[in-house]
Protein backbone atom coordinates (compact mmCIF):
# COMPACT_ATOMS: atom_id res chain seq x y z
CA MET A 1 -34.47 -32.23 -6.60
CA ASN A 2 -33.14 -32.76 -3.10
CA PRO A 3 -34.35 -30.03 -1.13
CA VAL A 4 -30.75 -29.33 0.56
CA THR A 5 -29.53 -28.13 -3.09
CA PHE A 6 -32.70 -26.31 -4.33
CA PHE A 7 -32.16 -24.19 -1.64
CA LYS A 8 -28.28 -24.31 -1.57
CA GLN A 9 -28.96 -23.27 -5.67
CA LEU A 10 -31.02 -20.39 -4.66
CA VAL A 11 -29.03 -18.74 -2.11
CA GLY A 12 -26.70 -18.89 -4.53
CA SER A 13 -28.17 -16.81 -7.25
CA ILE A 14 -29.83 -14.20 -4.68
CA LEU A 15 -26.28 -13.80 -3.61
CA SER A 16 -25.05 -13.42 -7.32
CA ARG A 17 -27.12 -10.80 -8.32
CA ARG A 18 -26.49 -9.34 -5.06
CA LYS A 19 -22.83 -9.04 -6.13
CA ARG A 20 -21.75 -4.79 -6.39
CA LEU A 21 -19.31 -3.30 -4.62
CA LEU A 22 -20.07 -0.83 -1.72
CA ARG A 23 -18.40 1.86 -0.32
CA ARG A 24 -18.85 3.10 3.36
CA ARG A 25 -17.28 6.46 4.82
CA TYR A 26 -16.50 6.20 8.79
CA THR A 27 -14.66 8.38 11.47
CA ILE A 28 -12.35 6.64 13.76
CA ALA A 29 -11.68 8.74 16.75
CA SER A 30 -7.52 8.23 17.17
CA THR A 31 -6.09 8.12 20.44
CA HIS A 32 -1.96 8.18 18.81
CA LEU A 33 -2.86 10.87 16.00
CA GLN A 34 -5.20 13.23 17.99
CA ARG A 35 -7.62 13.33 15.66
CA PRO A 36 -10.62 12.29 13.73
CA VAL A 37 -9.57 10.04 10.48
CA VAL A 38 -11.86 9.19 7.83
CA VAL A 39 -11.18 6.18 6.51
CA ASP A 40 -13.53 4.69 3.31
CA VAL A 41 -14.18 0.48 3.04
CA TYR A 42 -14.38 -0.65 -0.37
CA ARG A 43 -16.54 -4.67 -0.43
CA ARG A 44 -18.33 -6.31 -2.70
CA THR A 45 -21.13 -7.99 -1.22
CA VAL A 46 -19.88 -11.46 -0.15
CA PRO A 47 -21.66 -14.06 2.31
CA PRO A 48 -20.87 -13.49 5.83
CA TRP A 49 -18.76 -16.97 6.56
CA ARG A 50 -16.50 -15.25 3.33
CA LEU A 51 -13.14 -14.57 4.95
CA LEU A 52 -11.89 -11.12 3.42
CA SER A 53 -8.40 -9.84 2.48
CA LEU A 54 -7.54 -6.67 3.81
CA VAL A 55 -5.17 -3.89 1.24
CA ILE A 56 -5.15 -0.85 3.08
CA PHE A 57 -3.93 2.33 0.98
CA ASN A 58 -2.89 5.44 2.23
CA ASP A 59 -4.05 8.94 0.62
CA GLY A 60 -7.23 7.52 0.79
CA GLN A 61 -8.68 10.33 -0.07
CA ASP A 62 -6.80 10.04 -3.58
CA LEU A 63 -8.16 7.04 -4.72
CA GLU A 64 -12.39 8.47 -6.03
CA ARG A 65 -9.90 10.79 -8.13
CA MET A 66 -8.62 7.84 -9.52
CA GLY A 67 -11.17 6.75 -10.42
CA PHE A 68 -11.07 3.86 -8.08
CA PRO A 69 -14.36 2.13 -7.43
CA LYS A 70 -15.16 1.81 -11.63
CA ARG A 71 -12.07 1.14 -11.55
CA LEU A 72 -12.19 -1.89 -9.08
CA ARG A 73 -15.67 -3.00 -10.39
CA LYS A 74 -14.00 -3.97 -13.38
CA ILE A 75 -10.84 -5.09 -11.79
CA TYR A 76 -13.22 -7.93 -10.07
CA LYS A 77 -15.56 -8.93 -12.91
CA ARG A 78 -12.30 -9.43 -15.38
CA GLU A 79 -9.93 -11.41 -12.34
CA LYS A 80 -12.32 -12.98 -10.02
CA LEU A 81 -10.34 -11.71 -6.91
CA PRO A 82 -11.03 -13.17 -3.83
CA PRO A 83 -12.69 -11.41 -1.36
CA ALA A 84 -11.13 -8.53 -0.01
CA ILE A 85 -11.67 -5.36 1.55
CA VAL A 86 -9.83 -1.94 0.15
CA VAL A 87 -9.56 0.29 2.39
CA GLY A 88 -8.50 4.10 1.85
CA VAL A 89 -7.64 5.84 4.76
CA HIS A 90 -7.60 9.74 4.86
CA ALA A 91 -4.72 11.88 5.19
CA GLY A 92 -3.51 13.90 8.35
CA ASP A 93 -0.74 16.31 7.92
CA ARG A 94 1.03 14.25 5.40
CA LEU A 95 4.38 15.86 6.06
CA ARG A 96 4.22 14.61 9.85
CA GLU A 97 2.27 11.60 10.23
CA PHE A 98 3.92 9.23 6.75
CA GLY A 99 8.04 9.16 7.01
CA THR A 100 9.85 6.50 8.48
CA ALA A 101 8.55 6.13 12.05
CA ALA A 102 12.06 4.61 14.02
CA ARG A 103 13.75 8.52 12.08
CA LYS A 104 12.83 11.78 11.10
CA ASP A 105 14.35 13.45 7.82
CA ASP A 106 16.81 15.86 8.21
CA GLN A 107 14.50 18.48 8.00
CA GLY A 108 12.43 17.51 10.88
CA ARG A 109 9.28 16.01 8.85
CA GLY A 110 8.14 12.60 9.52
CA ASP A 111 7.93 13.57 13.34
CA MET A 112 4.42 11.67 14.20
CA ALA A 113 5.89 8.32 11.45
CA GLY A 114 5.40 6.39 14.25
CA ALA A 115 2.27 7.79 15.40
CA TYR A 116 0.46 6.90 12.25
CA GLU A 117 1.99 3.32 12.06
CA LYS A 118 0.45 3.21 15.31
CA PHE A 119 -2.78 4.02 13.90
CA VAL A 120 -2.71 1.43 11.79
CA THR A 121 -1.86 -1.47 13.49
CA ASP A 122 -3.17 -1.06 16.95
CA GLU A 123 -6.29 0.82 15.88
CA LEU A 124 -8.06 0.81 12.18
CA VAL A 125 -6.96 -3.57 12.07
CA PRO A 126 -8.30 -3.93 15.27
CA TRP A 127 -11.01 -1.06 14.59
CA LEU A 128 -11.95 -3.32 11.08
CA GLU A 129 -10.95 -6.99 12.40
CA ASP A 130 -14.58 -6.21 14.87
CA ARG A 131 -16.79 -5.19 12.27
CA TYR A 132 -15.66 -7.67 9.18
CA ASN A 133 -14.60 -11.60 9.08
CA ILE A 134 -10.40 -11.10 7.95
CA TYR A 135 -7.92 -13.27 7.29
CA HIS A 136 -5.66 -13.26 10.19
CA GLY A 137 -1.52 -12.83 9.99
CA PRO A 138 0.24 -11.00 7.06
CA ASP A 139 -0.13 -14.04 4.20
CA ARG A 140 -3.04 -12.03 3.52
CA ARG A 141 -2.97 -8.25 4.34
CA ALA A 142 -1.85 -5.39 2.64
CA ILE A 143 -0.51 -1.86 2.28
CA ALA A 144 0.55 0.95 -0.09
CA GLY A 145 0.45 4.58 -0.97
CA PHE A 146 1.27 7.18 -2.55
CA SER A 147 4.72 9.16 -2.44
CA LEU A 148 5.13 9.13 0.76
CA GLY A 149 2.91 7.25 1.26
CA GLY A 150 4.25 5.26 -0.50
CA LEU A 151 7.36 5.46 1.93
CA SER A 152 4.72 4.71 4.69
CA ALA A 153 3.79 1.33 3.30
CA PHE A 154 6.94 0.34 2.83
CA ASP A 155 7.74 1.12 6.09
CA ILE A 156 5.08 0.13 8.17
CA ALA A 157 5.27 -3.39 6.21
CA TRP A 158 9.29 -3.35 6.74
CA ARG A 159 8.73 -2.95 10.49
CA LYS A 160 5.58 -5.34 11.03
CA PRO A 161 5.99 -7.85 8.60
CA ARG A 162 3.79 -10.05 11.15
CA GLN A 163 0.75 -7.69 10.33
CA PHE A 164 1.44 -7.30 6.33
CA ARG A 165 3.28 -9.02 4.21
CA THR A 166 3.05 -7.28 1.65
CA ALA A 167 3.20 -3.56 0.40
CA GLY A 168 2.70 -1.30 -2.51
CA ILE A 169 4.89 1.37 -3.39
CA PHE A 170 3.80 4.08 -6.10
CA SER A 171 5.42 6.87 -6.79
CA GLY A 172 7.41 5.98 -3.18
CA SER A 173 9.51 8.78 -1.96
CA LEU A 174 12.75 7.22 -1.68
CA TRP A 175 15.08 10.33 -1.66
CA TYR A 176 13.92 9.96 1.67
CA ARG A 177 17.55 11.28 4.22
CA SER A 178 18.80 11.75 7.27
CA LYS A 179 21.30 14.79 6.66
CA PRO A 180 22.10 16.99 4.16
CA PHE A 181 21.85 16.33 0.40
CA ASN A 182 25.66 16.73 -0.10
CA PRO A 183 26.48 16.73 -3.85
CA GLU A 184 29.57 14.63 -3.48
CA LYS A 185 27.96 11.91 -2.41
CA PRO A 186 24.73 12.51 -3.20
CA ASP A 187 23.22 9.23 -2.91
CA ALA A 188 24.27 9.25 0.35
CA ASN A 189 22.07 8.85 3.70
CA ARG A 190 18.65 7.48 2.13
CA ILE A 191 16.93 6.61 5.24
CA VAL A 192 15.37 3.28 3.82
CA HIS A 193 18.25 2.48 1.67
CA ASP A 194 20.77 2.14 5.07
CA TYR A 195 18.26 0.23 7.58
CA VAL A 196 17.78 -2.09 4.75
CA ARG A 197 21.59 -2.95 3.24
CA ARG A 198 22.00 -2.74 7.17
CA SER A 199 19.44 -5.18 7.98
CA ASN A 200 20.55 -8.76 9.24
CA LYS A 201 16.87 -10.02 9.91
CA ALA A 202 15.72 -12.42 7.14
CA ILE A 203 13.06 -10.82 5.10
CA THR A 204 9.25 -12.72 4.72
CA ASN A 205 8.05 -9.02 2.89
CA ARG A 206 6.29 -9.06 -0.88
CA PHE A 207 7.13 -5.23 -2.35
CA TRP A 208 5.50 -4.46 -5.60
CA PHE A 209 6.84 -0.88 -6.54
CA MET A 210 5.81 1.82 -9.91
CA ALA A 211 7.22 4.77 -11.37
CA GLY A 212 6.58 6.91 -13.82
CA THR A 213 8.80 8.27 -16.06
CA ASP A 214 8.27 11.63 -16.00
CA ASP A 215 7.54 11.31 -12.46
CA GLU A 216 9.76 13.77 -11.84
CA THR A 217 13.10 16.10 -13.68
CA SER A 218 15.81 15.61 -11.10
CA ASP A 219 18.72 13.63 -11.32
CA ARG A 220 20.60 14.16 -8.91
CA ASN A 221 23.38 11.91 -9.27
CA ASN A 222 23.62 12.93 -12.91
CA ASN A 223 23.38 9.23 -14.57
CA GLY A 224 20.69 10.25 -17.02
CA VAL A 225 17.91 8.87 -14.72
CA ILE A 226 15.26 10.39 -12.85
CA ASP A 227 16.05 9.96 -8.94
CA SER A 228 12.52 8.76 -8.20
CA ILE A 229 13.24 5.96 -10.67
CA ASP A 230 17.06 5.25 -9.86
CA ASP A 231 15.80 5.13 -6.52
CA THR A 232 13.26 2.39 -6.35
CA LEU A 233 15.63 0.53 -8.82
CA HIS A 234 19.05 0.60 -5.86
CA LEU A 235 16.34 -0.59 -3.45
CA MET A 236 15.13 -3.45 -5.25
CA ALA A 237 18.84 -4.31 -5.98
CA ILE A 238 19.48 -4.15 -2.63
CA LEU A 239 16.78 -6.31 -1.44
CA GLN A 240 17.54 -9.17 -4.41
CA LYS A 241 20.85 -9.31 -2.62
CA LYS A 242 19.43 -9.82 0.73
CA GLY A 243 17.31 -12.94 -0.80
CA LEU A 244 13.93 -11.20 -2.18
CA LYS A 245 13.12 -13.02 -5.89
CA PRO A 246 12.49 -10.49 -8.81
CA ASP A 247 8.94 -11.39 -9.71
CA LEU A 248 7.88 -13.49 -7.24
CA ASP A 249 8.90 -11.62 -3.64
CA MET A 250 9.00 -7.93 -5.38
CA THR A 251 8.01 -6.66 -8.80
CA TYR A 252 8.62 -3.62 -10.59
CA VAL A 253 6.16 -1.18 -13.12
CA GLU A 254 7.12 1.62 -15.22
CA VAL A 255 4.55 4.07 -16.79
CA GLU A 256 6.05 5.86 -19.78
CA GLY A 257 5.09 8.90 -19.59
CA GLY A 258 3.66 8.53 -16.00
CA LYS A 259 3.56 12.11 -14.04
CA HIS A 260 3.32 12.24 -9.70
CA GLU A 261 -0.01 11.95 -9.76
CA PRO A 262 -3.54 9.97 -8.74
CA GLU A 263 -4.12 10.27 -12.69
CA THR A 264 -0.76 8.49 -13.33
CA TRP A 265 -1.14 5.56 -10.17
CA GLY A 266 -5.15 4.98 -10.97
CA LYS A 267 -3.70 3.39 -14.47
CA VAL A 268 -1.49 0.76 -11.98
CA VAL A 269 -3.05 0.26 -9.12
CA GLY A 270 -5.49 -2.93 -10.67
CA ASP A 271 -2.38 -4.19 -11.62
CA PHE A 272 -1.58 -3.92 -8.26
CA LEU A 273 -4.36 -5.05 -6.04
CA VAL A 274 -4.06 -8.46 -8.39
CA TRP A 275 -0.02 -8.97 -7.92
CA ALA A 276 -1.38 -8.39 -3.96
CA LEU A 277 -4.46 -10.39 -3.58
CA LYS A 278 -3.97 -13.73 -5.98
CA GLY A 279 -0.18 -13.92 -4.97
């Protein structure tokens, strides 16, 4: 056998046996958030020259509760995902740091959403780029989150499409409103719906939405559909009018009996990763 061929096969055999999922925890001192931020980095061992896709999760502290490491191992084995690192950002003050960066809600929540966005784009991503061989450009980068973290993920991807093309919104808090609830206009003043509707920009994002049928019981407009599902489907309808194509540019997963909790989100987190990384 040719010595070069033998060496390549030997190295490939060693790397194949060593492929395993690693998790490392780091603490980043954030200037923008003025606090230490804990991040968990999940990655499979691959040759150092391989480029990695990037997926960032808000509320990374909940990934453990979802049994995420075990789920990720199974996904890699079953789906043959491309090499990637998955980063779980542990939340701080969720009511202040998660929201819409350009506008607080009617109760003043989300006043630090802009600072959180800057942490992600100006501190976390460069920090990761210094340590890992990550793809540059948005096509191989995604951000996702749960509840308020899902709202934040949509807002960051929408505002920074050159950083993140794909966003995953699990039970997103899309009810977020700029003015107090008015029963005569129950669907008015939803911040995300309003800024997407008013936008004239070309949308280059991809969005993965999820909701559970037992996410909540509220039905503010009395149309027989709970608000979390109603808000999600309404936003998707607006995005479709703006040119996004169902299944290609956005998709929706509804979990029958799914509740507003990590255990439900864990059931479909693999579906999101497959869609995000193989799309």
